[in-house]
Amino acid sequence: MENFTIEQDIPVWYVAAASFPEGVPAAWAELHGLLPGSTGRQFYGISHPDQTGKITYKAGVAATSPEEAWQYGTPEVTVRKGVYASEMLQLGSDAGRQIGEAFLRLLKHPALDPQGYCLEMYLDGGMVRCMVPLVEK
């Protein structure tokens, strides 16, 4: 586990999964279907419990312009700047399990922001950085 800093707020437009975790692959497929070419784009998975405790999941991509979410008819959320506890993973065939286990560890961080969320930042080569925001000192 290491700290990772996001230097500025990142607007992200997304497709919400109909259910978690079953609906996650379909949300990613729909998002990728909206993009004519996704090379060079930064993708994020964002999850958190709603008011009832049910996990909500958003498959998202960093916006390249302020109008992009409107252009695709999708909602937008902001990935907040700040310090995050993080773990890097090389994803295998059991990616869902790997990511879930990483978040179970990260959610035990003593400086965890209770108003935060679980954030997946997808990188090249099958890598993902799993993160949770920390309370600012």
N, C-alpha and C. Protein backbone atom coordinates (compact mmCIF):
# COMPACT_ATOMS: atom_id res chain seq x y z
N MET A 1 0.85 -1.18 0.00
CA MET A 1 0.00 0.00 0.00
C MET A 1 0.89 1.23 0.00
N GLU A 2 0.54 2.19 -0.87
CA GLU A 2 1.31 3.43 -0.94
C GLU A 2 0.34 4.58 -1.19
N ASN A 3 0.80 5.78 -0.87
CA ASN A 3 -0.01 6.96 -1.16
C ASN A 3 0.19 7.37 -2.61
N PHE A 4 -0.88 7.89 -3.20
CA PHE A 4 -0.86 8.37 -4.57
C PHE A 4 -1.65 9.67 -4.59
N THR A 5 -1.10 10.70 -5.22
CA THR A 5 -1.76 12.00 -5.25
C THR A 5 -2.35 12.28 -6.62
N ILE A 6 -3.61 12.64 -6.63
CA ILE A 6 -4.27 13.16 -7.84
C ILE A 6 -4.21 14.67 -7.71
N GLU A 7 -3.52 15.30 -8.65
CA GLU A 7 -3.19 16.73 -8.54
C GLU A 7 -4.36 17.67 -8.80
N GLN A 8 -5.32 17.26 -9.61
CA GLN A 8 -6.45 18.15 -9.91
C GLN A 8 -7.72 17.33 -10.08
N ASP A 9 -8.87 17.98 -9.86
CA ASP A 9 -10.14 17.31 -10.07
C ASP A 9 -10.22 16.82 -11.51
N ILE A 10 -10.84 15.65 -11.69
CA ILE A 10 -10.95 15.04 -13.02
C ILE A 10 -12.43 14.81 -13.33
N PRO A 11 -12.98 15.52 -14.33
CA PRO A 11 -14.36 15.23 -14.73
C PRO A 11 -14.40 13.90 -15.50
N VAL A 12 -15.32 13.04 -15.10
CA VAL A 12 -15.44 11.70 -15.68
C VAL A 12 -16.90 11.48 -16.08
N TRP A 13 -17.14 11.07 -17.31
CA TRP A 13 -18.49 10.67 -17.69
C TRP A 13 -18.55 9.16 -17.64
N TYR A 14 -19.76 8.63 -17.39
CA TYR A 14 -19.83 7.20 -17.06
C TYR A 14 -21.13 6.55 -17.49
N VAL A 15 -21.07 5.21 -17.44
CA VAL A 15 -22.24 4.35 -17.58
C VAL A 15 -22.38 3.62 -16.26
N ALA A 16 -23.55 3.71 -15.64
CA ALA A 16 -23.78 3.05 -14.36
C ALA A 16 -24.13 1.58 -14.59
N ALA A 17 -23.57 0.72 -13.75
CA ALA A 17 -23.91 -0.71 -13.81
C ALA A 17 -25.31 -0.90 -13.24
N ALA A 18 -26.09 -1.77 -13.86
CA ALA A 18 -27.45 -2.05 -13.39
C ALA A 18 -27.43 -2.76 -12.04
N SER A 19 -26.36 -3.49 -11.76
CA SER A 19 -26.22 -4.20 -10.49
C SER A 19 -24.72 -4.38 -10.23
N PHE A 20 -24.40 -4.73 -8.99
CA PHE A 20 -23.00 -4.95 -8.63
C PHE A 20 -22.90 -6.29 -7.91
N PRO A 21 -21.98 -7.13 -8.30
CA PRO A 21 -20.97 -6.98 -9.35
C PRO A 21 -21.41 -7.49 -10.72
N GLU A 22 -22.61 -8.11 -10.78
CA GLU A 22 -23.04 -8.78 -12.02
C GLU A 22 -23.10 -7.84 -13.22
N GLY A 23 -23.52 -6.59 -13.01
CA GLY A 23 -23.72 -5.67 -14.12
C GLY A 23 -22.49 -4.90 -14.56
N VAL A 24 -21.36 -5.11 -13.89
CA VAL A 24 -20.14 -4.36 -14.21
C VAL A 24 -19.64 -4.62 -15.63
N PRO A 25 -19.52 -5.88 -16.08
CA PRO A 25 -19.04 -6.09 -17.45
C PRO A 25 -19.92 -5.42 -18.52
N ALA A 26 -21.24 -5.43 -18.32
CA ALA A 26 -22.14 -4.80 -19.30
C ALA A 26 -21.95 -3.29 -19.31
N ALA A 27 -21.70 -2.68 -18.15
CA ALA A 27 -21.46 -1.23 -18.10
C ALA A 27 -20.20 -0.88 -18.87
N TRP A 28 -19.14 -1.66 -18.69
CA TRP A 28 -17.90 -1.42 -19.44
C TRP A 28 -18.12 -1.61 -20.94
N ALA A 29 -18.87 -2.64 -21.32
CA ALA A 29 -19.14 -2.88 -22.74
C ALA A 29 -19.91 -1.71 -23.35
N GLU A 30 -20.90 -1.19 -22.62
CA GLU A 30 -21.67 -0.06 -23.12
C GLU A 30 -20.79 1.18 -23.25
N LEU A 31 -19.95 1.44 -22.26
CA LEU A 31 -19.05 2.60 -22.32
C LEU A 31 -18.13 2.50 -23.53
N HIS A 32 -17.49 1.36 -23.70
CA HIS A 32 -16.58 1.20 -24.83
C HIS A 32 -17.32 1.27 -26.17
N GLY A 33 -18.58 0.86 -26.18
CA GLY A 33 -19.38 0.96 -27.39
C GLY A 33 -19.68 2.40 -27.79
N LEU A 34 -19.69 3.31 -26.82
CA LEU A 34 -19.94 4.72 -27.10
C LEU A 34 -18.73 5.43 -27.69
N LEU A 35 -17.55 4.90 -27.41
CA LEU A 35 -16.31 5.56 -27.83
C LEU A 35 -15.84 5.03 -29.18
N PRO A 36 -15.66 5.91 -30.15
CA PRO A 36 -15.19 5.46 -31.45
C PRO A 36 -13.78 4.90 -31.40
N GLY A 37 -12.94 5.46 -30.58
CA GLY A 37 -11.58 4.98 -30.38
C GLY A 37 -11.16 5.33 -28.97
N SER A 38 -10.75 4.35 -28.23
CA SER A 38 -10.45 4.62 -26.82
C SER A 38 -8.96 4.66 -26.52
N THR A 39 -8.13 4.60 -27.55
CA THR A 39 -6.69 4.63 -27.34
C THR A 39 -6.30 5.95 -26.70
N GLY A 40 -5.50 5.87 -25.67
CA GLY A 40 -5.02 7.07 -25.01
C GLY A 40 -5.99 7.67 -24.00
N ARG A 41 -7.14 7.06 -23.79
CA ARG A 41 -8.11 7.58 -22.83
C ARG A 41 -7.83 7.00 -21.45
N GLN A 42 -8.17 7.75 -20.40
CA GLN A 42 -7.99 7.29 -19.02
C GLN A 42 -9.33 6.79 -18.51
N PHE A 43 -9.39 5.50 -18.15
CA PHE A 43 -10.62 4.87 -17.67
C PHE A 43 -10.60 4.71 -16.16
N TYR A 44 -11.80 4.84 -15.56
CA TYR A 44 -11.95 4.73 -14.11
C TYR A 44 -13.16 3.87 -13.79
N GLY A 45 -13.05 3.09 -12.73
CA GLY A 45 -14.18 2.43 -12.12
C GLY A 45 -14.40 3.10 -10.78
N ILE A 46 -15.63 3.49 -10.49
CA ILE A 46 -15.94 4.20 -9.25
C ILE A 46 -17.08 3.46 -8.56
N SER A 47 -16.89 3.10 -7.30
CA SER A 47 -17.94 2.40 -6.57
C SER A 47 -18.06 2.94 -5.15
N HIS A 48 -19.28 2.86 -4.64
CA HIS A 48 -19.54 3.26 -3.25
C HIS A 48 -20.93 2.76 -2.87
N PRO A 49 -21.21 2.65 -1.59
CA PRO A 49 -22.55 2.24 -1.19
C PRO A 49 -23.53 3.42 -1.30
N ASP A 50 -24.77 3.11 -1.70
CA ASP A 50 -25.79 4.16 -1.71
C ASP A 50 -26.41 4.27 -0.31
N GLN A 51 -27.51 5.02 -0.18
CA GLN A 51 -28.13 5.26 1.13
C GLN A 51 -28.62 3.98 1.79
N THR A 52 -28.91 2.95 0.99
CA THR A 52 -29.40 1.69 1.54
C THR A 52 -28.28 0.69 1.81
N GLY A 53 -27.04 1.06 1.45
CA GLY A 53 -25.91 0.15 1.64
C GLY A 53 -25.60 -0.68 0.40
N LYS A 54 -26.43 -0.56 -0.64
CA LYS A 54 -26.20 -1.28 -1.89
C LYS A 54 -25.06 -0.62 -2.66
N ILE A 55 -24.13 -1.43 -3.18
CA ILE A 55 -22.98 -0.89 -3.92
C ILE A 55 -23.43 -0.42 -5.30
N THR A 56 -23.05 0.80 -5.65
CA THR A 56 -23.27 1.32 -7.00
C THR A 56 -21.92 1.37 -7.69
N TYR A 57 -21.92 1.13 -9.00
CA TYR A 57 -20.67 1.10 -9.76
C TYR A 57 -20.83 1.91 -11.04
N LYS A 58 -19.80 2.70 -11.33
CA LYS A 58 -19.77 3.52 -12.54
C LYS A 58 -18.53 3.16 -13.35
N ALA A 59 -18.72 2.80 -14.61
CA ALA A 59 -17.61 2.59 -15.54
C ALA A 59 -17.43 3.90 -16.28
N GLY A 60 -16.27 4.55 -16.08
CA GLY A 60 -16.11 5.90 -16.60
C GLY A 60 -14.82 6.15 -17.36
N VAL A 61 -14.81 7.32 -18.01
CA VAL A 61 -13.64 7.76 -18.77
C VAL A 61 -13.47 9.25 -18.52
N ALA A 62 -12.23 9.69 -18.39
CA ALA A 62 -11.95 11.12 -18.20
C ALA A 62 -12.45 11.89 -19.41
N ALA A 63 -13.17 12.98 -19.15
CA ALA A 63 -13.71 13.81 -20.22
C ALA A 63 -12.58 14.56 -20.91
N THR A 64 -12.69 14.68 -22.23
CA THR A 64 -11.69 15.44 -22.99
C THR A 64 -12.17 16.86 -23.26
N SER A 65 -13.46 17.13 -22.97
CA SER A 65 -13.99 18.49 -23.12
C SER A 65 -15.17 18.63 -22.17
N PRO A 66 -15.53 19.88 -21.83
CA PRO A 66 -16.66 20.08 -20.92
C PRO A 66 -17.99 19.57 -21.46
N GLU A 67 -18.12 19.46 -22.79
CA GLU A 67 -19.38 19.03 -23.40
C GLU A 67 -19.48 17.52 -23.63
N GLU A 68 -18.42 16.79 -23.36
CA GLU A 68 -18.39 15.39 -23.77
C GLU A 68 -19.50 14.55 -23.15
N ALA A 69 -19.76 14.70 -21.85
CA ALA A 69 -20.82 13.91 -21.22
C ALA A 69 -22.16 14.22 -21.87
N TRP A 70 -22.43 15.49 -22.14
CA TRP A 70 -23.67 15.89 -22.80
C TRP A 70 -23.74 15.28 -24.20
N GLN A 71 -22.61 15.32 -24.91
CA GLN A 71 -22.54 14.79 -26.28
C GLN A 71 -22.93 13.31 -26.32
N TYR A 72 -22.51 12.54 -25.32
CA TYR A 72 -22.81 11.11 -25.28
C TYR A 72 -24.09 10.79 -24.50
N GLY A 73 -24.69 11.82 -23.90
CA GLY A 73 -25.93 11.61 -23.15
C GLY A 73 -25.73 10.83 -21.87
N THR A 74 -24.59 11.04 -21.23
CA THR A 74 -24.28 10.30 -20.01
C THR A 74 -24.11 11.25 -18.83
N PRO A 75 -24.27 10.74 -17.61
CA PRO A 75 -24.00 11.56 -16.44
C PRO A 75 -22.49 11.76 -16.25
N GLU A 76 -22.16 12.69 -15.39
CA GLU A 76 -20.76 13.01 -15.12
C GLU A 76 -20.55 13.06 -13.61
N VAL A 77 -19.36 12.70 -13.19
CA VAL A 77 -18.96 12.76 -11.79
C VAL A 77 -17.54 13.31 -11.76
N THR A 78 -17.13 13.83 -10.62
CA THR A 78 -15.77 14.35 -10.49
C THR A 78 -14.94 13.45 -9.58
N VAL A 79 -13.80 13.01 -10.09
CA VAL A 79 -12.81 12.33 -9.25
C VAL A 79 -12.05 13.46 -8.55
N ARG A 80 -12.13 13.47 -7.24
CA ARG A 80 -11.56 14.58 -6.47
C ARG A 80 -10.05 14.52 -6.39
N LYS A 81 -9.44 15.69 -6.48
CA LYS A 81 -8.00 15.77 -6.26
C LYS A 81 -7.73 15.46 -4.79
N GLY A 82 -6.50 15.01 -4.51
CA GLY A 82 -6.12 14.73 -3.14
C GLY A 82 -5.24 13.50 -3.03
N VAL A 83 -5.02 13.10 -1.80
CA VAL A 83 -4.16 11.96 -1.51
C VAL A 83 -5.03 10.72 -1.33
N TYR A 84 -4.60 9.64 -1.96
CA TYR A 84 -5.31 8.37 -1.92
C TYR A 84 -4.36 7.28 -1.43
N ALA A 85 -4.88 6.34 -0.64
CA ALA A 85 -4.15 5.10 -0.37
C ALA A 85 -4.35 4.24 -1.61
N SER A 86 -3.29 3.57 -2.07
CA SER A 86 -3.43 2.83 -3.32
C SER A 86 -2.65 1.53 -3.32
N GLU A 87 -3.06 0.66 -4.22
CA GLU A 87 -2.35 -0.59 -4.51
C GLU A 87 -2.36 -0.79 -6.02
N MET A 88 -1.22 -1.17 -6.56
CA MET A 88 -1.12 -1.51 -7.99
C MET A 88 -1.33 -3.00 -8.16
N LEU A 89 -2.11 -3.38 -9.17
CA LEU A 89 -2.37 -4.78 -9.45
C LEU A 89 -2.11 -5.08 -10.92
N GLN A 90 -1.56 -6.26 -11.18
CA GLN A 90 -1.50 -6.81 -12.53
C GLN A 90 -2.69 -7.74 -12.63
N LEU A 91 -3.66 -7.38 -13.46
CA LEU A 91 -4.89 -8.15 -13.51
C LEU A 91 -4.72 -9.47 -14.24
N GLY A 92 -5.34 -10.49 -13.68
CA GLY A 92 -5.34 -11.81 -14.29
C GLY A 92 -6.77 -12.20 -14.63
N SER A 93 -7.01 -13.48 -14.82
CA SER A 93 -8.34 -13.96 -15.19
C SER A 93 -9.35 -13.79 -14.05
N ASP A 94 -8.85 -13.59 -12.83
CA ASP A 94 -9.72 -13.40 -11.67
C ASP A 94 -9.68 -11.94 -11.21
N ALA A 95 -9.78 -11.01 -12.16
CA ALA A 95 -9.64 -9.58 -11.88
C ALA A 95 -10.63 -9.09 -10.82
N GLY A 96 -11.87 -9.54 -10.90
CA GLY A 96 -12.86 -9.11 -9.91
C GLY A 96 -12.46 -9.45 -8.49
N ARG A 97 -11.95 -10.66 -8.30
CA ARG A 97 -11.50 -11.07 -6.97
C ARG A 97 -10.30 -10.25 -6.54
N GLN A 98 -9.34 -10.05 -7.45
CA GLN A 98 -8.14 -9.28 -7.12
C GLN A 98 -8.50 -7.87 -6.67
N ILE A 99 -9.37 -7.23 -7.44
CA ILE A 99 -9.76 -5.85 -7.12
C ILE A 99 -10.52 -5.82 -5.80
N GLY A 100 -11.44 -6.75 -5.60
CA GLY A 100 -12.20 -6.80 -4.35
C GLY A 100 -11.30 -6.96 -3.14
N GLU A 101 -10.33 -7.85 -3.22
CA GLU A 101 -9.40 -8.07 -2.10
C GLU A 101 -8.55 -6.83 -1.84
N ALA A 102 -8.13 -6.15 -2.90
CA ALA A 102 -7.34 -4.92 -2.72
C ALA A 102 -8.16 -3.88 -1.98
N PHE A 103 -9.43 -3.71 -2.35
CA PHE A 103 -10.25 -2.71 -1.67
C PHE A 103 -10.54 -3.11 -0.23
N LEU A 104 -10.68 -4.38 0.06
CA LEU A 104 -10.86 -4.79 1.46
C LEU A 104 -9.67 -4.35 2.31
N ARG A 105 -8.47 -4.45 1.75
CA ARG A 105 -7.28 -3.98 2.48
C ARG A 105 -7.26 -2.46 2.58
N LEU A 106 -7.52 -1.78 1.47
CA LEU A 106 -7.46 -0.31 1.45
C LEU A 106 -8.50 0.32 2.37
N LEU A 107 -9.67 -0.28 2.48
CA LEU A 107 -10.73 0.29 3.30
C LEU A 107 -10.44 0.20 4.79
N LYS A 108 -9.36 -0.46 5.16
CA LYS A 108 -8.94 -0.52 6.57
C LYS A 108 -7.96 0.59 6.93
N HIS A 109 -7.62 1.46 5.97
CA HIS A 109 -6.64 2.52 6.21
C HIS A 109 -7.15 3.44 7.33
N PRO A 110 -6.30 3.77 8.31
CA PRO A 110 -6.75 4.59 9.44
C PRO A 110 -7.16 6.01 9.07
N ALA A 111 -6.69 6.53 7.95
CA ALA A 111 -7.03 7.90 7.53
C ALA A 111 -8.07 7.92 6.42
N LEU A 112 -8.81 6.81 6.25
CA LEU A 112 -9.82 6.69 5.21
C LEU A 112 -10.84 7.82 5.32
N ASP A 113 -11.17 8.45 4.20
CA ASP A 113 -12.23 9.47 4.16
C ASP A 113 -13.58 8.75 4.18
N PRO A 114 -14.37 8.90 5.25
CA PRO A 114 -15.64 8.17 5.33
C PRO A 114 -16.65 8.60 4.27
N GLN A 115 -16.44 9.74 3.64
CA GLN A 115 -17.31 10.22 2.56
C GLN A 115 -16.75 9.85 1.18
N GLY A 116 -15.74 8.99 1.16
CA GLY A 116 -15.03 8.67 -0.07
C GLY A 116 -15.69 7.58 -0.89
N TYR A 117 -14.90 6.96 -1.74
CA TYR A 117 -15.37 5.96 -2.70
C TYR A 117 -14.18 5.08 -3.05
N CYS A 118 -14.45 3.99 -3.72
CA CYS A 118 -13.39 3.12 -4.24
C CYS A 118 -13.16 3.52 -5.70
N LEU A 119 -11.90 3.72 -6.05
CA LEU A 119 -11.56 4.21 -7.38
C LEU A 119 -10.57 3.27 -8.03
N GLU A 120 -10.89 2.83 -9.24
CA GLU A 120 -9.98 2.01 -10.05
C GLU A 120 -9.48 2.89 -11.19
N MET A 121 -8.17 2.99 -11.35
CA MET A 121 -7.58 3.72 -12.47
C MET A 121 -6.90 2.69 -13.36
N TYR A 122 -7.43 2.52 -14.57
CA TYR A 122 -6.91 1.50 -15.47
C TYR A 122 -5.72 2.03 -16.25
N LEU A 123 -4.64 1.26 -16.26
CA LEU A 123 -3.39 1.65 -16.89
C LEU A 123 -3.05 0.66 -18.00
N ASP A 124 -2.03 0.96 -18.76
CA ASP A 124 -1.60 0.07 -19.84
C ASP A 124 -1.10 -1.26 -19.30
N GLY A 125 -1.10 -2.27 -20.14
CA GLY A 125 -0.51 -3.56 -19.80
C GLY A 125 -1.29 -4.37 -18.79
N GLY A 126 -2.60 -4.14 -18.69
CA GLY A 126 -3.40 -4.92 -17.75
C GLY A 126 -3.20 -4.54 -16.30
N MET A 127 -2.69 -3.33 -16.07
CA MET A 127 -2.47 -2.86 -14.70
C MET A 127 -3.65 -1.99 -14.27
N VAL A 128 -3.92 -2.01 -12.97
CA VAL A 128 -4.93 -1.13 -12.40
C VAL A 128 -4.40 -0.63 -11.06
N ARG A 129 -4.66 0.64 -10.78
CA ARG A 129 -4.34 1.22 -9.47
C ARG A 129 -5.66 1.34 -8.73
N CYS A 130 -5.80 0.61 -7.62
CA CYS A 130 -6.98 0.67 -6.77
C CYS A 130 -6.71 1.72 -5.70
N MET A 131 -7.68 2.62 -5.46
CA MET A 131 -7.45 3.74 -4.55
C MET A 131 -8.68 4.05 -3.70
N VAL A 132 -8.43 4.59 -2.52
CA VAL A 132 -9.47 5.17 -1.67
C VAL A 132 -8.94 6.51 -1.18
N PRO A 133 -9.79 7.56 -1.16
CA PRO A 133 -9.31 8.86 -0.70
C PRO A 133 -9.09 8.88 0.81
N LEU A 134 -8.09 9.66 1.19
CA LEU A 134 -7.76 9.82 2.60
C LEU A 134 -8.22 11.19 3.08
N VAL A 135 -8.48 11.30 4.38
CA VAL A 135 -8.87 12.57 4.97
C VAL A 135 -7.68 13.52 4.89
N GLU A 136 -7.96 14.75 4.45
CA GLU A 136 -6.88 15.73 4.36
C GLU A 136 -6.50 16.19 5.75
N LYS A 137 -5.21 16.35 5.94
CA LYS A 137 -4.72 16.78 7.26
C LYS A 137 -4.74 18.27 7.38
